[in-house]
Amino acid sequence: LGNSVMRDIVSKADQQVQILASSDDLSALARNDDDDDDDDDDNNGNNSNSNSSNRTSNSKHNNNLVASVEVQAEDFRRDMADLVCSVMEFAHTRCSRILNLRAEIHAELELHELSEFVDVVNTFVDNSEALCKKKLFALRGALLAQSKAFVDKFH
């Protein structure tokens, strides 16, 4: 499961980078077209009406290219945010499995050791949730189970 998830994530990121790279090429091409039109205007002062309509047409074309690039960039940002959240969810799931394997060991910790451990894990969870802008429950649940096991062992 883990390897296939990571492969999907990497594949999606590669696709988005290729789309963004092709968009950058289009944007550069549009800027070059604008420069060429300005040169033509300087050389052919007699065809002002023709140049004006060409400039308007090229301007619309360039605006469409820029809008397309902006849409693709926003899609890329959204996909990368989804990618980060997927990676964080995956990391939380893996960490919760490790915590579950160490349940008996954590139940034997001293109170100050458990407190430090809980603080570190909660900081990681809080930072992850801030990054993803959503709640992540896998690691919180495992930490709650660890704390409950400690309390049961303590009493």
C-alpha atoms as a PDB file:
ATOM      1  CA  LEU A   1       0.000   0.000   0.000  1.00  0.00           C
ATOM      2  CA  GLY A   2       2.731   2.477   0.956  1.00  0.00           C
ATOM      3  CA  ASN A   3       4.790   2.032  -2.221  1.00  0.00           C
ATOM      4  CA  SER A   4       1.790   2.349  -4.529  1.00  0.00           C
ATOM      5  CA  VAL A   5       0.650   5.519  -2.749  1.00  0.00           C
ATOM      6  CA  MET A   6       4.103   7.053  -3.077  1.00  0.00           C
ATOM      7  CA  ARG A   7       4.313   6.051  -6.757  1.00  0.00           C
ATOM      8  CA  ASP A   8       0.936   7.694  -7.422  1.00  0.00           C
ATOM      9  CA  ILE A   9       2.054  10.834  -5.616  1.00  0.00           C
ATOM     10  CA  VAL A  10       5.328  11.059  -7.542  1.00  0.00           C
ATOM     11  CA  SER A  11       3.555  10.374 -10.842  1.00  0.00           C
ATOM     12  CA  LYS A  12       1.021  13.137 -10.205  1.00  0.00           C
ATOM     13  CA  ALA A  13       3.757  15.582  -9.233  1.00  0.00           C
ATOM     14  CA  ASP A  14       5.708  14.761 -12.424  1.00  0.00           C
ATOM     15  CA  GLN A  15       2.619  15.371 -14.547  1.00  0.00           C
ATOM     16  CA  GLN A  16       1.999  18.735 -12.910  1.00  0.00           C
ATOM     17  CA  VAL A  17       5.619  19.811 -13.350  1.00  0.00           C
ATOM     18  CA  GLN A  18       5.441  18.923 -17.061  1.00  0.00           C
ATOM     19  CA  ILE A  19       2.222  20.922 -17.452  1.00  0.00           C
ATOM     20  CA  LEU A  20       3.733  23.893 -15.669  1.00  0.00           C
ATOM     21  CA  ALA A  21       6.904  23.686 -17.768  1.00  0.00           C
ATOM     22  CA  SER A  22       4.887  23.688 -20.997  1.00  0.00           C
ATOM     23  CA  SER A  23       2.878  26.636 -19.655  1.00  0.00           C
ATOM     24  CA  ASP A  24       6.089  28.544 -18.976  1.00  0.00           C
ATOM     25  CA  ASP A  25       7.153  27.878 -22.585  1.00  0.00           C
ATOM     26  CA  LEU A  26       3.823  29.276 -23.835  1.00  0.00           C
ATOM     27  CA  SER A  27       4.169  32.333 -21.637  1.00  0.00           C
ATOM     28  CA  ALA A  28       7.685  32.985 -22.947  1.00  0.00           C
ATOM     29  CA  LEU A  29       6.433  32.561 -26.504  1.00  0.00           C
ATOM     30  CA  ALA A  30       3.665  35.089 -25.831  1.00  0.00           C
ATOM     31  CA  ARG A  31       6.183  37.615 -24.510  1.00  0.00           C
ATOM     32  CA  ASN A  32       8.341  37.129 -27.631  1.00  0.00           C
ATOM     33  CA  ASP A  33       5.300  37.717 -29.855  1.00  0.00           C
ATOM     34  CA  ASP A  34       4.689  41.040 -28.091  1.00  0.00           C
ATOM     35  CA  ASP A  35       8.307  42.081 -28.662  1.00  0.00           C
ATOM     36  CA  ASP A  36       8.108  41.116 -32.349  1.00  0.00           C
ATOM     37  CA  ASP A  37       4.916  43.147 -32.796  1.00  0.00           C
ATOM     38  CA  ASP A  38       6.573  46.225 -31.328  1.00  0.00           C
ATOM     39  CA  ASP A  39       9.477  45.849 -33.772  1.00  0.00           C
ATOM     40  CA  ASP A  40       7.058  45.496 -36.697  1.00  0.00           C
ATOM     41  CA  ASP A  41       5.275  48.679 -35.664  1.00  0.00           C
ATOM     42  CA  ASP A  42       8.538  50.603 -35.688  1.00  0.00           C
ATOM     43  CA  ASN A  43       9.495  49.312 -39.154  1.00  0.00           C
ATOM     44  CA  ASN A  44       6.100  49.659 -40.848  1.00  0.00           C
ATOM     45  CA  GLY A  45       4.581  52.984 -39.873  1.00  0.00           C
ATOM     46  CA  ASN A  46       2.386  52.986 -43.019  1.00  0.00           C
ATOM     47  CA  ASN A  47       0.254  50.022 -41.947  1.00  0.00           C
ATOM     48  CA  SER A  48      -1.029  51.442 -38.673  1.00  0.00           C
ATOM     49  CA  ASN A  49      -4.568  50.002 -39.041  1.00  0.00           C
ATOM     50  CA  SER A  50      -3.240  46.558 -39.878  1.00  0.00           C
ATOM     51  CA  ASN A  51      -0.752  46.686 -37.012  1.00  0.00           C
ATOM     52  CA  SER A  52      -3.437  47.850 -34.612  1.00  0.00           C
ATOM     53  CA  SER A  53      -5.724  44.921 -35.457  1.00  0.00           C
ATOM     54  CA  ASN A  54      -2.781  42.497 -35.279  1.00  0.00           C
ATOM     55  CA  ARG A  55      -1.779  43.943 -31.937  1.00  0.00           C
ATOM     56  CA  THR A  56      -5.346  43.561 -30.631  1.00  0.00           C
ATOM     57  CA  SER A  57      -5.511  39.980 -31.881  1.00  0.00           C
ATOM     58  CA  ASN A  58      -2.124  39.145 -30.390  1.00  0.00           C
ATOM     59  CA  SER A  59      -3.079  40.859 -27.145  1.00  0.00           C
ATOM     60  CA  LYS A  60      -6.213  38.711 -26.854  1.00  0.00           C
ATOM     61  CA  HIS A  61      -4.171  35.612 -27.663  1.00  0.00           C
ATOM     62  CA  ASN A  62      -1.567  36.560 -25.052  1.00  0.00           C
ATOM     63  CA  ASN A  63      -4.254  37.272 -22.467  1.00  0.00           C
ATOM     64  CA  ASN A  64      -5.738  33.839 -23.133  1.00  0.00           C
ATOM     65  CA  LEU A  65      -2.296  32.261 -22.720  1.00  0.00           C
ATOM     66  CA  VAL A  66      -1.674  34.104 -19.471  1.00  0.00           C
ATOM     67  CA  ALA A  67      -5.114  33.128 -18.139  1.00  0.00           C
ATOM     68  CA  SER A  68      -4.439  29.519 -19.109  1.00  0.00           C
ATOM     69  CA  VAL A  69      -1.077  29.592 -17.348  1.00  0.00           C
ATOM     70  CA  GLU A  70      -2.665  31.104 -14.238  1.00  0.00           C
ATOM     71  CA  VAL A  71      -5.364  28.416 -14.174  1.00  0.00           C
ATOM     72  CA  GLN A  72      -2.771  25.692 -14.588  1.00  0.00           C
ATOM     73  CA  ALA A  73      -0.607  27.233 -11.866  1.00  0.00           C
ATOM     74  CA  GLU A  74      -3.583  27.304  -9.496  1.00  0.00           C
ATOM     75  CA  ASP A  75      -4.368  23.677 -10.357  1.00  0.00           C
ATOM     76  CA  PHE A  76      -0.737  22.840  -9.680  1.00  0.00           C
ATOM     77  CA  ARG A  77      -0.823  24.590  -6.290  1.00  0.00           C
ATOM     78  CA  ARG A  78      -4.025  22.758  -5.370  1.00  0.00           C
ATOM     79  CA  ASP A  79      -2.571  19.417  -6.456  1.00  0.00           C
ATOM     80  CA  MET A  80       0.606  20.059  -4.468  1.00  0.00           C
ATOM     81  CA  ALA A  81      -1.453  20.929  -1.376  1.00  0.00           C
ATOM     82  CA  ASP A  82      -3.368  17.670  -1.829  1.00  0.00           C
ATOM     83  CA  LEU A  83      -0.056  15.880  -2.231  1.00  0.00           C
ATOM     84  CA  VAL A  84       1.302  17.339   1.011  1.00  0.00           C
ATOM     85  CA  CYS A  85      -1.872  16.306   2.840  1.00  0.00           C
ATOM     86  CA  SER A  86      -1.648  12.786   1.428  1.00  0.00           C
ATOM     87  CA  VAL A  87       1.957  12.501   2.543  1.00  0.00           C
ATOM     88  CA  MET A  88       1.085  13.819   6.011  1.00  0.00           C
ATOM     89  CA  GLU A  89      -1.811  11.367   6.357  1.00  0.00           C
ATOM     90  CA  PHE A  90       0.505   8.562   5.291  1.00  0.00           C
ATOM     91  CA  ALA A  91       3.160   9.664   7.810  1.00  0.00           C
ATOM     92  CA  HIS A  92       0.595   9.860  10.603  1.00  0.00           C
ATOM     93  CA  THR A  93      -0.678   6.378   9.798  1.00  0.00           C
ATOM     94  CA  ARG A  94       2.859   4.965   9.869  1.00  0.00           C
ATOM     95  CA  CYS A  95       3.708   6.750  13.109  1.00  0.00           C
ATOM     96  CA  SER A  96       0.514   5.502  14.726  1.00  0.00           C
ATOM     97  CA  ARG A  97       1.501   1.937  13.806  1.00  0.00           C
ATOM     98  CA  ILE A  98       4.866   2.452  15.464  1.00  0.00           C
ATOM     99  CA  LEU A  99       3.151   3.825  18.572  1.00  0.00           C
ATOM    100  CA  ASN A 100       0.846   0.823  18.679  1.00  0.00           C
ATOM    101  CA  LEU A 101       3.857  -1.498  18.542  1.00  0.00           C
ATOM    102  CA  ARG A 102       5.392   0.325  21.505  1.00  0.00           C
ATOM    103  CA  ALA A 103       2.219   0.353  23.620  1.00  0.00           C
ATOM    104  CA  GLU A 104       3.643  -1.786  26.427  1.00  0.00           C
ATOM    105  CA  ILE A 105       6.899   0.183  26.530  1.00  0.00           C
ATOM    106  CA  HIS A 106       5.096   3.520  26.721  1.00  0.00           C
ATOM    107  CA  ALA A 107       2.825   2.239  29.481  1.00  0.00           C
ATOM    108  CA  GLU A 108       5.971   1.741  31.621  1.00  0.00           C
ATOM    109  CA  LEU A 109       7.292   5.290  31.163  1.00  0.00           C
ATOM    110  CA  GLU A 110       7.603   7.745  34.021  1.00  0.00           C
ATOM    111  CA  LEU A 111       5.038  10.557  34.090  1.00  0.00           C
ATOM    112  CA  HIS A 112       7.514  13.262  32.996  1.00  0.00           C
ATOM    113  CA  GLU A 113       8.755  11.051  30.128  1.00  0.00           C
ATOM    114  CA  LEU A 114       5.236  10.410  28.919  1.00  0.00           C
ATOM    115  CA  SER A 115       4.443  14.106  29.233  1.00  0.00           C
ATOM    116  CA  GLU A 116       7.450  15.044  27.064  1.00  0.00           C
ATOM    117  CA  PHE A 117       6.513  12.369  24.542  1.00  0.00           C
ATOM    118  CA  VAL A 118       2.902  13.587  24.350  1.00  0.00           C
ATOM    119  CA  ASP A 119       4.088  17.191  23.910  1.00  0.00           C
ATOM    120  CA  VAL A 120       6.393  16.244  21.022  1.00  0.00           C
ATOM    121  CA  VAL A 121       3.716  14.204  19.260  1.00  0.00           C
ATOM    122  CA  ASN A 122       1.077  16.909  19.772  1.00  0.00           C
ATOM    123  CA  THR A 123       3.436  19.527  18.341  1.00  0.00           C
ATOM    124  CA  PHE A 124       3.990  17.337  15.273  1.00  0.00           C
ATOM    125  CA  VAL A 125       0.238  16.785  14.897  1.00  0.00           C
ATOM    126  CA  ASP A 126      -0.536  20.497  15.301  1.00  0.00           C
ATOM    127  CA  ASN A 127       2.106  21.500  12.742  1.00  0.00           C
ATOM    128  CA  SER A 128       0.861  18.853  10.309  1.00  0.00           C
ATOM    129  CA  GLU A 129      -2.726  20.006  10.667  1.00  0.00           C
ATOM    130  CA  ALA A 130      -1.704  23.629  10.147  1.00  0.00           C
ATOM    131  CA  LEU A 131       0.126  22.628   6.987  1.00  0.00           C
ATOM    132  CA  CYS A 132      -2.778  20.562   5.650  1.00  0.00           C
ATOM    133  CA  LYS A 133      -5.483  22.878   6.977  1.00  0.00           C
ATOM    134  CA  LYS A 134      -7.518  19.900   8.166  1.00  0.00           C
ATOM    135  CA  LYS A 135      -7.689  17.532  11.123  1.00  0.00           C
ATOM    136  CA  LEU A 136      -5.576  14.371  11.059  1.00  0.00           C
ATOM    137  CA  PHE A 137      -6.858  11.673  13.392  1.00  0.00           C
ATOM    138  CA  ALA A 138      -4.643   8.572  13.050  1.00  0.00           C
ATOM    139  CA  LEU A 139      -1.805   9.753  15.278  1.00  0.00           C
ATOM    140  CA  ARG A 140      -4.134  11.487  17.734  1.00  0.00           C
ATOM    141  CA  GLY A 141      -6.010   8.217  18.242  1.00  0.00           C
ATOM    142  CA  ALA A 142      -2.828   6.251  18.804  1.00  0.00           C
ATOM    143  CA  LEU A 143      -1.576   8.839  21.289  1.00  0.00           C
ATOM    144  CA  LEU A 144      -4.876   8.735  23.155  1.00  0.00           C
ATOM    145  CA  ALA A 145      -4.628   4.941  23.372  1.00  0.00           C
ATOM    146  CA  GLN A 146      -1.054   5.260  24.697  1.00  0.00           C
ATOM    147  CA  SER A 147      -2.154   7.739  27.347  1.00  0.00           C
ATOM    148  CA  LYS A 148      -5.064   5.512  28.364  1.00  0.00           C
ATOM    149  CA  ALA A 149      -2.740   2.509  28.686  1.00  0.00           C
ATOM    150  CA  PHE A 150      -0.434   4.585  30.897  1.00  0.00           C
ATOM    151  CA  VAL A 151      -3.306   5.658  33.144  1.00  0.00           C
ATOM    152  CA  ASP A 152      -4.558   2.052  33.384  1.00  0.00           C
ATOM    153  CA  LYS A 153      -1.081   0.851  34.294  1.00  0.00           C
ATOM    154  CA  PHE A 154      -0.565   3.735  36.740  1.00  0.00           C
ATOM    155  CA  HIS A 155      -3.735   2.919  38.681  1.00  0.00           C
END
